[in-house]
PDB file of N, CA and C in Angstrom:
ATOM      1  N   MET A   1      -1.330   5.301 -13.529  1.00  0.00           N
ATOM      2  CA  MET A   1      -1.211   5.465 -12.113  1.00  0.00           C
ATOM      3  C   MET A   1       0.007   5.022 -11.484  1.00  0.00           C
ATOM      4  N   ASP A   2       0.865   5.871 -10.906  1.00  0.00           N
ATOM      5  CA  ASP A   2       2.097   5.390 -10.172  1.00  0.00           C
ATOM      6  C   ASP A   2       1.802   4.546  -8.800  1.00  0.00           C
ATOM      7  N   PHE A   3       2.894   3.940  -8.427  1.00  0.00           N
ATOM      8  CA  PHE A   3       2.596   3.202  -7.060  1.00  0.00           C
ATOM      9  C   PHE A   3       2.021   3.973  -5.988  1.00  0.00           C
ATOM     10  N   PRO A   4       2.586   5.069  -5.632  1.00  0.00           N
ATOM     11  CA  PRO A   4       2.054   5.923  -4.441  1.00  0.00           C
ATOM     12  C   PRO A   4       0.542   6.305  -4.783  1.00  0.00           C
ATOM     13  N   GLU A   5       0.253   6.612  -5.898  1.00  0.00           N
ATOM     14  CA  GLU A   5      -1.260   6.923  -6.178  1.00  0.00           C
ATOM     15  C   GLU A   5      -2.139   5.769  -6.136  1.00  0.00           C
ATOM     16  N   ARG A   6      -1.418   4.597  -6.517  1.00  0.00           N
ATOM     17  CA  ARG A   6      -2.304   3.374  -6.485  1.00  0.00           C
ATOM     18  C   ARG A   6      -2.663   3.082  -4.914  1.00  0.00           C
ATOM     19  N   LEU A   7      -1.513   3.076  -4.100  1.00  0.00           N
ATOM     20  CA  LEU A   7      -1.683   2.879  -2.796  1.00  0.00           C
ATOM     21  C   LEU A   7      -2.786   3.839  -2.075  1.00  0.00           C
ATOM     22  N   ARG A   8      -2.826   4.954  -2.396  1.00  0.00           N
ATOM     23  CA  ARG A   8      -3.796   5.872  -1.862  1.00  0.00           C
ATOM     24  C   ARG A   8      -5.151   5.577  -2.267  1.00  0.00           C
ATOM     25  N   ALA A   9      -5.274   5.207  -3.668  1.00  0.00           N
ATOM     26  CA  ALA A   9      -6.548   4.864  -4.182  1.00  0.00           C
ATOM     27  C   ALA A   9      -7.174   3.594  -3.627  1.00  0.00           C
ATOM     28  N   LEU A  10      -6.048   2.800  -3.476  1.00  0.00           N
ATOM     29  CA  LEU A  10      -6.645   1.353  -2.766  1.00  0.00           C
ATOM     30  C   LEU A  10      -7.223   1.533  -1.377  1.00  0.00           C
ATOM     31  N   ARG A  11      -6.483   2.438  -0.586  1.00  0.00           N
ATOM     32  CA  ARG A  11      -6.799   2.611   0.844  1.00  0.00           C
ATOM     33  C   ARG A  11      -8.054   3.301   0.852  1.00  0.00           C
ATOM     34  N   LYS A  12      -8.243   4.434  -0.049  1.00  0.00           N
ATOM     35  CA  LYS A  12      -9.549   5.309   0.008  1.00  0.00           C
ATOM     36  C   LYS A  12     -10.612   4.284  -0.363  1.00  0.00           C
ATOM     37  N   SER A  13     -10.494   3.373  -1.375  1.00  0.00           N
ATOM     38  CA  SER A  13     -11.519   2.624  -1.651  1.00  0.00           C
ATOM     39  C   SER A  13     -11.957   1.613  -0.798  1.00  0.00           C
ATOM     40  N   LYS A  14     -11.287   1.430   0.290  1.00  0.00           N
ATOM     41  CA  LYS A  14     -11.765   0.776   1.544  1.00  0.00           C
ATOM     42  C   LYS A  14     -12.225   1.726   2.625  1.00  0.00           C
ATOM     43  N   ASN A  15     -12.291   3.102   2.287  1.00  0.00           N
ATOM     44  CA  ASN A  15     -12.766   3.993   3.235  1.00  0.00           C
ATOM     45  C   ASN A  15     -11.900   3.970   4.503  1.00  0.00           C
ATOM     46  N   MET A  16     -10.702   3.793   4.342  1.00  0.00           N
ATOM     47  CA  MET A  16      -9.681   3.750   5.617  1.00  0.00           C
ATOM     48  C   MET A  16      -8.847   4.765   5.530  1.00  0.00           C
ATOM     49  N   THR A  17      -8.425   5.328   6.900  1.00  0.00           N
ATOM     50  CA  THR A  17      -7.422   6.211   7.030  1.00  0.00           C
ATOM     51  C   THR A  17      -6.022   5.593   6.959  1.00  0.00           C
ATOM     52  N   GLN A  18      -4.977   6.378   6.869  1.00  0.00           N
ATOM     53  CA  GLN A  18      -3.667   5.793   7.063  1.00  0.00           C
ATOM     54  C   GLN A  18      -3.509   5.294   8.372  1.00  0.00           C
ATOM     55  N   GLU A  19      -4.103   5.685   9.541  1.00  0.00           N
ATOM     56  CA  GLU A  19      -3.793   5.160  10.666  1.00  0.00           C
ATOM     57  C   GLU A  19      -4.532   3.826  10.808  1.00  0.00           C
ATOM     58  N   ASP A  20      -5.902   3.714  10.211  1.00  0.00           N
ATOM     59  CA  ASP A  20      -6.476   2.480  10.243  1.00  0.00           C
ATOM     60  C   ASP A  20      -5.666   1.258   9.659  1.00  0.00           C
ATOM     61  N   LEU A  21      -5.116   1.676   8.352  1.00  0.00           N
ATOM     62  CA  LEU A  21      -4.481   0.852   7.703  1.00  0.00           C
ATOM     63  C   LEU A  21      -3.184   0.327   8.338  1.00  0.00           C
ATOM     64  N   VAL A  22      -2.414   1.148   8.833  1.00  0.00           N
ATOM     65  CA  VAL A  22      -1.101   0.761   9.433  1.00  0.00           C
ATOM     66  C   VAL A  22      -1.372  -0.066  10.759  1.00  0.00           C
ATOM     67  N   GLU A  23      -2.621   0.316  11.514  1.00  0.00           N
ATOM     68  CA  GLU A  23      -2.885  -0.547  12.633  1.00  0.00           C
ATOM     69  C   GLU A  23      -3.176  -2.058  12.173  1.00  0.00           C
ATOM     70  N   THR A  24      -3.906  -2.085  11.077  1.00  0.00           N
ATOM     71  CA  THR A  24      -4.275  -3.352  10.493  1.00  0.00           C
ATOM     72  C   THR A  24      -3.162  -4.134  10.136  1.00  0.00           C
ATOM     73  N   LEU A  25      -2.242  -3.636   9.500  1.00  0.00           N
ATOM     74  CA  LEU A  25      -1.049  -4.171   8.818  1.00  0.00           C
ATOM     75  C   LEU A  25       0.193  -4.424   9.775  1.00  0.00           C
ATOM     76  N   GLY A  26       0.165  -3.544  10.872  1.00  0.00           N
ATOM     77  CA  GLY A  26       1.160  -3.546  11.825  1.00  0.00           C
ATOM     78  C   GLY A  26       2.527  -2.971  11.412  1.00  0.00           C
ATOM     79  N   ILE A  27       2.379  -1.924  10.543  1.00  0.00           N
ATOM     80  CA  ILE A  27       3.442  -1.133  10.059  1.00  0.00           C
ATOM     81  C   ILE A  27       3.449   0.195  10.720  1.00  0.00           C
ATOM     82  N   SER A  28       4.434   0.949  10.606  1.00  0.00           N
ATOM     83  CA  SER A  28       4.602   2.244  11.149  1.00  0.00           C
ATOM     84  C   SER A  28       3.913   3.351  10.237  1.00  0.00           C
ATOM     85  N   LEU A  29       3.162   4.329  10.836  1.00  0.00           N
ATOM     86  CA  LEU A  29       2.568   5.405  10.281  1.00  0.00           C
ATOM     87  C   LEU A  29       3.539   6.133   9.326  1.00  0.00           C
ATOM     88  N   ARG A  30       4.639   6.435   9.899  1.00  0.00           N
ATOM     89  CA  ARG A  30       5.591   7.261   9.247  1.00  0.00           C
ATOM     90  C   ARG A  30       6.152   6.559   7.824  1.00  0.00           C
ATOM     91  N   ALA A  31       6.425   5.150   8.009  1.00  0.00           N
ATOM     92  CA  ALA A  31       6.806   4.521   6.776  1.00  0.00           C
ATOM     93  C   ALA A  31       5.656   4.434   5.713  1.00  0.00           C
ATOM     94  N   TYR A  32       4.538   4.252   6.134  1.00  0.00           N
ATOM     95  CA  TYR A  32       3.242   4.248   5.165  1.00  0.00           C
ATOM     96  C   TYR A  32       3.164   5.446   4.446  1.00  0.00           C
ATOM     97  N   ARG A  33       3.259   6.641   5.279  1.00  0.00           N
ATOM     98  CA  ARG A  33       3.157   8.079   4.715  1.00  0.00           C
ATOM     99  C   ARG A  33       4.313   8.216   3.729  1.00  0.00           C
ATOM    100  N   TYR A  34       5.462   7.655   3.881  1.00  0.00           N
ATOM    101  CA  TYR A  34       6.601   7.805   2.868  1.00  0.00           C
ATOM    102  C   TYR A  34       6.088   7.078   1.655  1.00  0.00           C
ATOM    103  N   TYR A  35       5.562   5.810   1.721  1.00  0.00           N
ATOM    104  CA  TYR A  35       5.087   5.064   0.455  1.00  0.00           C
ATOM    105  C   TYR A  35       4.167   5.824  -0.321  1.00  0.00           C
ATOM    106  N   GLU A  36       3.175   6.409   0.454  1.00  0.00           N
ATOM    107  CA  GLU A  36       2.066   7.245  -0.404  1.00  0.00           C
ATOM    108  C   GLU A  36       2.573   8.336  -1.028  1.00  0.00           C
ATOM    109  N   ARG A  37       3.701   9.035  -0.459  1.00  0.00           N
ATOM    110  CA  ARG A  37       4.256  10.207  -1.053  1.00  0.00           C
ATOM    111  C   ARG A  37       5.311   9.865  -2.023  1.00  0.00           C
ATOM    112  N   GLY A  38       5.695   8.605  -2.062  1.00  0.00           N
ATOM    113  CA  GLY A  38       6.753   7.981  -3.040  1.00  0.00           C
ATOM    114  C   GLY A  38       8.144   8.521  -2.780  1.00  0.00           C
ATOM    115  N   GLN A  39       8.458   8.630  -1.403  1.00  0.00           N
ATOM    116  CA  GLN A  39       9.498   8.955  -0.873  1.00  0.00           C
ATOM    117  C   GLN A  39      10.452   7.677  -0.543  1.00  0.00           C
ATOM    118  N   ARG A  40       9.764   6.543  -0.213  1.00  0.00           N
ATOM    119  CA  ARG A  40      10.490   5.234   0.129  1.00  0.00           C
ATOM    120  C   ARG A  40       9.586   4.113  -0.511  1.00  0.00           C
ATOM    121  N   GLU A  41      10.199   3.010  -0.750  1.00  0.00           N
ATOM    122  CA  GLU A  41       9.590   1.894  -1.346  1.00  0.00           C
ATOM    123  C   GLU A  41       9.346   0.849  -0.196  1.00  0.00           C
ATOM    124  N   PRO A  42       8.174   0.182  -0.206  1.00  0.00           N
ATOM    125  CA  PRO A  42       8.050  -0.748   0.871  1.00  0.00           C
ATOM    126  C   PRO A  42       9.035  -2.089   0.778  1.00  0.00           C
ATOM    127  N   THR A  43       9.196  -2.765   1.798  1.00  0.00           N
ATOM    128  CA  THR A  43       9.925  -3.959   1.655  1.00  0.00           C
ATOM    129  C   THR A  43       8.874  -5.075   1.159  1.00  0.00           C
ATOM    130  N   LEU A  44       9.857  -6.112   0.757  1.00  0.00           N
ATOM    131  CA  LEU A  44       8.869  -7.248   0.212  1.00  0.00           C
ATOM    132  C   LEU A  44       7.888  -7.775   1.112  1.00  0.00           C
ATOM    133  N   SER A  45       8.261  -7.917   2.368  1.00  0.00           N
ATOM    134  CA  SER A  45       7.137  -8.396   3.208  1.00  0.00           C
ATOM    135  C   SER A  45       6.109  -7.433   3.408  1.00  0.00           C
ATOM    136  N   THR A  46       6.250  -6.095   3.340  1.00  0.00           N
ATOM    137  CA  THR A  46       5.239  -5.106   3.353  1.00  0.00           C
ATOM    138  C   THR A  46       4.341  -5.298   2.039  1.00  0.00           C
ATOM    139  N   LEU A  47       4.984  -5.465   1.016  1.00  0.00           N
ATOM    140  CA  LEU A  47       4.242  -5.488  -0.169  1.00  0.00           C
ATOM    141  C   LEU A  47       3.406  -6.833  -0.215  1.00  0.00           C
ATOM    142  N   VAL A  48       3.840  -7.839   0.272  1.00  0.00           N
ATOM    143  CA  VAL A  48       3.057  -9.064   0.368  1.00  0.00           C
ATOM    144  C   VAL A  48       1.775  -8.638   1.236  1.00  0.00           C
ATOM    145  N   ALA A  49       2.052  -8.168   2.398  1.00  0.00           N
ATOM    146  CA  ALA A  49       0.988  -7.862   3.337  1.00  0.00           C
ATOM    147  C   ALA A  49      -0.088  -7.011   2.792  1.00  0.00           C
ATOM    148  N   LEU A  50       0.338  -5.911   1.932  1.00  0.00           N
ATOM    149  CA  LEU A  50      -0.627  -5.043   1.145  1.00  0.00           C
ATOM    150  C   LEU A  50      -1.307  -5.801   0.310  1.00  0.00           C
ATOM    151  N   ALA A  51      -0.603  -6.620  -0.659  1.00  0.00           N
ATOM    152  CA  ALA A  51      -1.354  -7.562  -1.639  1.00  0.00           C
ATOM    153  C   ALA A  51      -2.329  -8.409  -1.066  1.00  0.00           C
ATOM    154  N   ASP A  52      -1.861  -9.098   0.072  1.00  0.00           N
ATOM    155  CA  ASP A  52      -2.956 -10.047   0.698  1.00  0.00           C
ATOM    156  C   ASP A  52      -4.203  -9.191   1.349  1.00  0.00           C
ATOM    157  N   PHE A  53      -3.946  -8.041   1.970  1.00  0.00           N
ATOM    158  CA  PHE A  53      -4.963  -7.068   2.531  1.00  0.00           C
ATOM    159  C   PHE A  53      -5.870  -6.773   1.395  1.00  0.00           C
ATOM    160  N   TYR A  54      -5.445  -6.396   0.303  1.00  0.00           N
ATOM    161  CA  TYR A  54      -6.317  -5.938  -0.856  1.00  0.00           C
ATOM    162  C   TYR A  54      -6.715  -7.150  -1.741  1.00  0.00           C
ATOM    163  N   ASP A  55      -6.260  -8.298  -1.442  1.00  0.00           N
ATOM    164  CA  ASP A  55      -6.681  -9.394  -2.150  1.00  0.00           C
ATOM    165  C   ASP A  55      -6.223  -9.193  -3.729  1.00  0.00           C
ATOM    166  N   LEU A  56      -4.950  -8.917  -3.904  1.00  0.00           N
ATOM    167  CA  LEU A  56      -4.322  -8.608  -5.137  1.00  0.00           C
ATOM    168  C   LEU A  56      -3.114  -9.587  -5.383  1.00  0.00           C
ATOM    169  N   SER A  57      -2.616  -9.629  -6.591  1.00  0.00           N
ATOM    170  CA  SER A  57      -1.276 -10.310  -6.786  1.00  0.00           C
ATOM    171  C   SER A  57      -0.341  -9.095  -6.615  1.00  0.00           C
ATOM    172  N   LEU A  58       0.896  -9.398  -6.304  1.00  0.00           N
ATOM    173  CA  LEU A  58       1.998  -8.450  -6.264  1.00  0.00           C
ATOM    174  C   LEU A  58       1.970  -7.511  -7.491  1.00  0.00           C
ATOM    175  N   ASP A  59       1.779  -8.217  -8.761  1.00  0.00           N
ATOM    176  CA  ASP A  59       1.815  -7.554 -10.060  1.00  0.00           C
ATOM    177  C   ASP A  59       0.634  -6.598  -9.967  1.00  0.00           C
ATOM    178  N   GLU A  60      -0.531  -6.974  -9.638  1.00  0.00           N
ATOM    179  CA  GLU A  60      -1.798  -6.067  -9.648  1.00  0.00           C
ATOM    180  C   GLU A  60      -1.493  -4.916  -8.597  1.00  0.00           C
ATOM    181  N   LEU A  61      -0.934  -5.265  -7.398  1.00  0.00           N
ATOM    182  CA  LEU A  61      -0.635  -4.138  -6.496  1.00  0.00           C
ATOM    183  C   LEU A  61       0.192  -3.028  -6.997  1.00  0.00           C
ATOM    184  N   VAL A  62       1.294  -3.371  -7.668  1.00  0.00           N
ATOM    185  CA  VAL A  62       2.330  -2.494  -8.156  1.00  0.00           C
ATOM    186  C   VAL A  62       1.927  -1.916  -9.569  1.00  0.00           C
ATOM    187  N   GLY A  63       0.925  -2.292 -10.223  1.00  0.00           N
ATOM    188  CA  GLY A  63       0.347  -1.730 -11.634  1.00  0.00           C
ATOM    189  C   GLY A  63       1.105  -2.492 -12.741  1.00  0.00           C
ATOM    190  N   ARG A  64       1.620  -3.551 -12.428  1.00  0.00           N
ATOM    191  CA  ARG A  64       2.511  -4.135 -13.595  1.00  0.00           C
ATOM    192  C   ARG A  64       1.649  -4.791 -14.585  1.00  0.00           C
ATOM    193  N   GLU A  65       1.705  -4.536 -15.753  1.00  0.00           N
ATOM    194  CA  GLU A  65       1.099  -5.139 -16.819  1.00  0.00           C
ATOM    195  C   GLU A  65       2.074  -5.697 -17.889  1.00  0.00           C
ATOM    196  N   ARG A  66       1.517  -6.600 -18.565  1.00  0.00           N
ATOM    197  CA  ARG A  66       2.340  -7.408 -19.541  1.00  0.00           C
ATOM    198  C   ARG A  66       1.948  -6.848 -20.973  1.00  0.00           C
TER     199      ARG A  66
END
């Protein structure tokens, strides 16, 4: 699963809309939609906020395996 698919799946696992999530995280809806479409990559601070929200490490969030 690539990163945009992972973001979408994580959000849906919490039964949240994109609007709910961006309000919780304090990021723009437009930016988040770009992330889920794979058109842009989040900044480090946004990645950390997402990882904290989902209670994941950064490696888990981005699907990095060893």
